[in-house]
Amino acid sequence: MKTLIRNFSYTFRRFFAASVLNIAGLSIAFSSFFVIMTQIDYDYNFNKGYKDYPLAELN
């Protein structure tokens, strides 16, 4: 585990700009996925409280 942390810190210091861009891109991708999936869940379950309402179709 010590070797892993040492290797990570060395790589992060050596390629600082690339590391920051990779971390920023990954965080943007995860947050975009979360927002899109939250919107899809909201749209799909919007009228579930009504009886006899057809299920929403995702086009």
PDB file of N, CA and C in Angstrom:
ATOM      1  N   MET A   1       0.824  -1.188   0.000  1.00  0.00           N
ATOM      2  CA  MET A   1       0.000   0.000   0.000  1.00  0.00           C
ATOM      3  C   MET A   1       0.871   1.256   0.000  1.00  0.00           C
ATOM      4  N   LYS A   2       1.974   1.197   0.714  1.00  0.00           N
ATOM      5  CA  LYS A   2       2.880   2.337   0.777  1.00  0.00           C
ATOM      6  C   LYS A   2       3.459   2.639  -0.606  1.00  0.00           C
ATOM      7  N   THR A   3       3.799   1.587  -1.345  1.00  0.00           N
ATOM      8  CA  THR A   3       4.347   1.749  -2.683  1.00  0.00           C
ATOM      9  C   THR A   3       3.308   2.362  -3.619  1.00  0.00           C
ATOM     10  N   LEU A   4       2.070   1.959  -3.478  1.00  0.00           N
ATOM     11  CA  LEU A   4       0.992   2.480  -4.307  1.00  0.00           C
ATOM     12  C   LEU A   4       0.813   3.980  -4.085  1.00  0.00           C
ATOM     13  N   ILE A   5       0.806   4.401  -2.838  1.00  0.00           N
ATOM     14  CA  ILE A   5       0.645   5.820  -2.515  1.00  0.00           C
ATOM     15  C   ILE A   5       1.844   6.621  -3.005  1.00  0.00           C
ATOM     16  N   ARG A   6       3.037   6.092  -2.827  1.00  0.00           N
ATOM     17  CA  ARG A   6       4.243   6.777  -3.283  1.00  0.00           C
ATOM     18  C   ARG A   6       4.237   6.924  -4.803  1.00  0.00           C
ATOM     19  N   ASN A   7       3.837   5.883  -5.506  1.00  0.00           N
ATOM     20  CA  ASN A   7       3.771   5.925  -6.965  1.00  0.00           C
ATOM     21  C   ASN A   7       2.712   6.931  -7.432  1.00  0.00           C
ATOM     22  N   PHE A   8       1.578   6.938  -6.771  1.00  0.00           N
ATOM     23  CA  PHE A   8       0.521   7.881  -7.141  1.00  0.00           C
ATOM     24  C   PHE A   8       0.962   9.322  -6.928  1.00  0.00           C
ATOM     25  N   SER A   9       1.587   9.600  -5.798  1.00  0.00           N
ATOM     26  CA  SER A   9       2.014  10.972  -5.530  1.00  0.00           C
ATOM     27  C   SER A   9       3.113  11.410  -6.508  1.00  0.00           C
ATOM     28  N   TYR A  10       4.018  10.510  -6.864  1.00  0.00           N
ATOM     29  CA  TYR A  10       5.074  10.829  -7.832  1.00  0.00           C
ATOM     30  C   TYR A  10       4.465  11.140  -9.198  1.00  0.00           C
ATOM     31  N   THR A  11       3.530  10.306  -9.632  1.00  0.00           N
ATOM     32  CA  THR A  11       2.892  10.514 -10.930  1.00  0.00           C
ATOM     33  C   THR A  11       2.081  11.800 -10.932  1.00  0.00           C
ATOM     34  N   PHE A  12       1.395  12.073  -9.826  1.00  0.00           N
ATOM     35  CA  PHE A  12       0.591  13.297  -9.733  1.00  0.00           C
ATOM     36  C   PHE A  12       1.479  14.535  -9.796  1.00  0.00           C
ATOM     37  N   ARG A  13       2.613  14.510  -9.124  1.00  0.00           N
ATOM     38  CA  ARG A  13       3.522  15.657  -9.154  1.00  0.00           C
ATOM     39  C   ARG A  13       4.187  15.811 -10.513  1.00  0.00           C
ATOM     40  N   ARG A  14       4.525  14.705 -11.144  1.00  0.00           N
ATOM     41  CA  ARG A  14       5.238  14.773 -12.417  1.00  0.00           C
ATOM     42  C   ARG A  14       4.323  15.247 -13.542  1.00  0.00           C
ATOM     43  N   PHE A  15       3.109  14.741 -13.586  1.00  0.00           N
ATOM     44  CA  PHE A  15       2.139  15.107 -14.626  1.00  0.00           C
ATOM     45  C   PHE A  15       0.972  15.841 -13.984  1.00  0.00           C
ATOM     46  N   PHE A  16       1.246  16.989 -13.381  1.00  0.00           N
ATOM     47  CA  PHE A  16       0.232  17.695 -12.597  1.00  0.00           C
ATOM     48  C   PHE A  16      -0.950  18.134 -13.458  1.00  0.00           C
ATOM     49  N   ALA A  17      -0.681  18.770 -14.591  1.00  0.00           N
ATOM     50  CA  ALA A  17      -1.765  19.292 -15.432  1.00  0.00           C
ATOM     51  C   ALA A  17      -2.643  18.155 -15.966  1.00  0.00           C
ATOM     52  N   ALA A  18      -2.027  17.092 -16.408  1.00  0.00           N
ATOM     53  CA  ALA A  18      -2.802  15.958 -16.924  1.00  0.00           C
ATOM     54  C   ALA A  18      -3.618  15.309 -15.807  1.00  0.00           C
ATOM     55  N   SER A  19      -3.047  15.226 -14.627  1.00  0.00           N
ATOM     56  CA  SER A  19      -3.766  14.627 -13.503  1.00  0.00           C
ATOM     57  C   SER A  19      -4.977  15.465 -13.114  1.00  0.00           C
ATOM     58  N   VAL A  20      -4.794  16.770 -13.069  1.00  0.00           N
ATOM     59  CA  VAL A  20      -5.916  17.655 -12.721  1.00  0.00           C
ATOM     60  C   VAL A  20      -7.006  17.573 -13.784  1.00  0.00           C
ATOM     61  N   LEU A  21      -6.624  17.557 -15.049  1.00  0.00           N
ATOM     62  CA  LEU A  21      -7.620  17.446 -16.115  1.00  0.00           C
ATOM     63  C   LEU A  21      -8.360  16.111 -16.060  1.00  0.00           C
ATOM     64  N   ASN A  22      -7.649  15.033 -15.769  1.00  0.00           N
ATOM     65  CA  ASN A  22      -8.301  13.730 -15.655  1.00  0.00           C
ATOM     66  C   ASN A  22      -9.290  13.690 -14.497  1.00  0.00           C
ATOM     67  N   ILE A  23      -8.903  14.230 -13.357  1.00  0.00           N
ATOM     68  CA  ILE A  23      -9.796  14.234 -12.191  1.00  0.00           C
ATOM     69  C   ILE A  23     -10.997  15.134 -12.448  1.00  0.00           C
ATOM     70  N   ALA A  24     -10.775  16.295 -13.069  1.00  0.00           N
ATOM     71  CA  ALA A  24     -11.888  17.199 -13.384  1.00  0.00           C
ATOM     72  C   ALA A  24     -12.842  16.553 -14.388  1.00  0.00           C
ATOM     73  N   GLY A  25     -12.313  15.907 -15.402  1.00  0.00           N
ATOM     74  CA  GLY A  25     -13.162  15.246 -16.390  1.00  0.00           C
ATOM     75  C   GLY A  25     -13.972  14.111 -15.798  1.00  0.00           C
ATOM     76  N   LEU A  26     -13.346  13.361 -14.916  1.00  0.00           N
ATOM     77  CA  LEU A  26     -14.063  12.259 -14.271  1.00  0.00           C
ATOM     78  C   LEU A  26     -15.168  12.773 -13.367  1.00  0.00           C
ATOM     79  N   SER A  27     -14.913  13.847 -12.636  1.00  0.00           N
ATOM     80  CA  SER A  27     -15.946  14.391 -11.762  1.00  0.00           C
ATOM     81  C   SER A  27     -17.096  14.985 -12.568  1.00  0.00           C
ATOM     82  N   ILE A  28     -16.795  15.631 -13.701  1.00  0.00           N
ATOM     83  CA  ILE A  28     -17.859  16.152 -14.562  1.00  0.00           C
ATOM     84  C   ILE A  28     -18.679  15.010 -15.149  1.00  0.00           C
ATOM     85  N   ALA A  29     -18.027  13.934 -15.542  1.00  0.00           N
ATOM     86  CA  ALA A  29     -18.740  12.783 -16.109  1.00  0.00           C
ATOM     87  C   ALA A  29     -19.663  12.140 -15.077  1.00  0.00           C
ATOM     88  N   PHE A  30     -19.186  11.949 -13.850  1.00  0.00           N
ATOM     89  CA  PHE A  30     -20.028  11.351 -12.811  1.00  0.00           C
ATOM     90  C   PHE A  30     -21.207  12.245 -12.464  1.00  0.00           C
ATOM     91  N   SER A  31     -20.970  13.554 -12.354  1.00  0.00           N
ATOM     92  CA  SER A  31     -22.076  14.447 -12.010  1.00  0.00           C
ATOM     93  C   SER A  31     -23.075  14.543 -13.161  1.00  0.00           C
ATOM     94  N   SER A  32     -22.608  14.529 -14.401  1.00  0.00           N
ATOM     95  CA  SER A  32     -23.525  14.532 -15.548  1.00  0.00           C
ATOM     96  C   SER A  32     -24.378  13.267 -15.568  1.00  0.00           C
ATOM     97  N   PHE A  33     -23.749  12.134 -15.322  1.00  0.00           N
ATOM     98  CA  PHE A  33     -24.489  10.869 -15.266  1.00  0.00           C
ATOM     99  C   PHE A  33     -25.551  10.918 -14.179  1.00  0.00           C
ATOM    100  N   PHE A  34     -25.197  11.447 -13.014  1.00  0.00           N
ATOM    101  CA  PHE A  34     -26.147  11.523 -11.907  1.00  0.00           C
ATOM    102  C   PHE A  34     -27.329  12.427 -12.254  1.00  0.00           C
ATOM    103  N   VAL A  35     -27.073  13.572 -12.865  1.00  0.00           N
ATOM    104  CA  VAL A  35     -28.152  14.495 -13.223  1.00  0.00           C
ATOM    105  C   VAL A  35     -29.059  13.877 -14.287  1.00  0.00           C
ATOM    106  N   ILE A  36     -28.473  13.250 -15.291  1.00  0.00           N
ATOM    107  CA  ILE A  36     -29.271  12.635 -16.351  1.00  0.00           C
ATOM    108  C   ILE A  36     -30.117  11.493 -15.798  1.00  0.00           C
ATOM    109  N   MET A  37     -29.537  10.646 -14.971  1.00  0.00           N
ATOM    110  CA  MET A  37     -30.298   9.527 -14.411  1.00  0.00           C
ATOM    111  C   MET A  37     -31.388  10.005 -13.450  1.00  0.00           C
ATOM    112  N   THR A  38     -31.136  11.081 -12.721  1.00  0.00           N
ATOM    113  CA  THR A  38     -32.160  11.642 -11.845  1.00  0.00           C
ATOM    114  C   THR A  38     -33.330  12.171 -12.667  1.00  0.00           C
ATOM    115  N   GLN A  39     -33.039  12.838 -13.771  1.00  0.00           N
ATOM    116  CA  GLN A  39     -34.095  13.355 -14.641  1.00  0.00           C
ATOM    117  C   GLN A  39     -34.898  12.217 -15.278  1.00  0.00           C
ATOM    118  N   ILE A  40     -34.223  11.177 -15.715  1.00  0.00           N
ATOM    119  CA  ILE A  40     -34.919  10.030 -16.307  1.00  0.00           C
ATOM    120  C   ILE A  40     -35.813   9.358 -15.272  1.00  0.00           C
ATOM    121  N   ASP A  41     -35.326   9.193 -14.057  1.00  0.00           N
ATOM    122  CA  ASP A  41     -36.128   8.590 -12.993  1.00  0.00           C
ATOM    123  C   ASP A  41     -37.347   9.448 -12.677  1.00  0.00           C
ATOM    124  N   TYR A  42     -37.161  10.756 -12.624  1.00  0.00           N
ATOM    125  CA  TYR A  42     -38.274  11.662 -12.352  1.00  0.00           C
ATOM    126  C   TYR A  42     -39.318  11.574 -13.465  1.00  0.00           C
ATOM    127  N   ASP A  43     -38.873  11.610 -14.724  1.00  0.00           N
ATOM    128  CA  ASP A  43     -39.804  11.533 -15.848  1.00  0.00           C
ATOM    129  C   ASP A  43     -40.541  10.198 -15.889  1.00  0.00           C
ATOM    130  N   TYR A  44     -39.848   9.139 -15.603  1.00  0.00           N
ATOM    131  CA  TYR A  44     -40.456   7.809 -15.684  1.00  0.00           C
ATOM    132  C   TYR A  44     -41.476   7.591 -14.566  1.00  0.00           C
ATOM    133  N   ASN A  45     -41.219   8.128 -13.375  1.00  0.00           N
ATOM    134  CA  ASN A  45     -42.086   7.879 -12.224  1.00  0.00           C
ATOM    135  C   ASN A  45     -43.016   9.042 -11.906  1.00  0.00           C
ATOM    136  N   PHE A  46     -43.192   9.984 -12.816  1.00  0.00           N
ATOM    137  CA  PHE A  46     -43.965  11.183 -12.526  1.00  0.00           C
ATOM    138  C   PHE A  46     -45.413  10.881 -12.166  1.00  0.00           C
ATOM    139  N   ASN A  47     -46.096  10.062 -12.950  1.00  0.00           N
ATOM    140  CA  ASN A  47     -47.520   9.792 -12.727  1.00  0.00           C
ATOM    141  C   ASN A  47     -47.781   8.402 -12.155  1.00  0.00           C
ATOM    142  N   LYS A  48     -46.822   7.845 -11.458  1.00  0.00           N
ATOM    143  CA  LYS A  48     -47.014   6.499 -10.904  1.00  0.00           C
ATOM    144  C   LYS A  48     -48.077   6.483  -9.812  1.00  0.00           C
ATOM    145  N   GLY A  49     -48.372   7.636  -9.224  1.00  0.00           N
ATOM    146  CA  GLY A  49     -49.356   7.680  -8.141  1.00  0.00           C
ATOM    147  C   GLY A  49     -50.780   7.513  -8.625  1.00  0.00           C
ATOM    148  N   TYR A  50     -51.021   7.721  -9.909  1.00  0.00           N
ATOM    149  CA  TYR A  50     -52.365   7.585 -10.455  1.00  0.00           C
ATOM    150  C   TYR A  50     -52.612   6.147 -10.891  1.00  0.00           C
ATOM    151  N   LYS A  51     -53.750   5.627 -10.483  1.00  0.00           N
ATOM    152  CA  LYS A  51     -54.110   4.283 -10.899  1.00  0.00           C
ATOM    153  C   LYS A  51     -54.585   4.341 -12.351  1.00  0.00           C
ATOM    154  N   ASP A  52     -54.352   3.295 -13.097  1.00  0.00           N
ATOM    155  CA  ASP A  52     -54.755   3.171 -14.503  1.00  0.00           C
ATOM    156  C   ASP A  52     -54.058   4.157 -15.435  1.00  0.00           C
ATOM    157  N   TYR A  53     -52.944   4.715 -15.011  1.00  0.00           N
ATOM    158  CA  TYR A  53     -52.186   5.600 -15.908  1.00  0.00           C
ATOM    159  C   TYR A  53     -51.135   4.761 -16.615  1.00  0.00           C
ATOM    160  N   PRO A  54     -51.072   4.853 -17.955  1.00  0.00           N
ATOM    161  CA  PRO A  54     -50.075   4.023 -18.663  1.00  0.00           C
ATOM    162  C   PRO A  54     -48.653   4.444 -18.301  1.00  0.00           C
ATOM    163  N   LEU A  55     -47.775   3.483 -18.345  1.00  0.00           N
ATOM    164  CA  LEU A  55     -46.373   3.765 -18.056  1.00  0.00           C
ATOM    165  C   LEU A  55     -45.791   4.694 -19.107  1.00  0.00           C
ATOM    166  N   ALA A  56     -44.905   5.559 -18.686  1.00  0.00           N
ATOM    167  CA  ALA A  56     -44.265   6.487 -19.623  1.00  0.00           C
ATOM    168  C   ALA A  56     -43.359   5.709 -20.569  1.00  0.00           C
ATOM    169  N   GLU A  57     -43.354   6.143 -21.806  1.00  0.00           N
ATOM    170  CA  GLU A  57     -42.471   5.531 -22.784  1.00  0.00           C
ATOM    171  C   GLU A  57     -41.291   6.456 -22.999  1.00  0.00           C
ATOM    172  N   LEU A  58     -40.096   5.900 -22.921  1.00  0.00           N
ATOM    173  CA  LEU A  58     -38.904   6.699 -23.187  1.00  0.00           C
ATOM    174  C   LEU A  58     -38.612   6.695 -24.656  1.00  0.00           C
ATOM    175  N   ASN A  59     -38.753   7.846 -25.288  1.00  0.00           N
ATOM    176  CA  ASN A  59     -38.516   7.938 -26.737  1.00  0.00           C
ATOM    177  C   ASN A  59     -37.121   8.332 -27.006  1.00  0.00           C
TER     178      ASN A  59
END
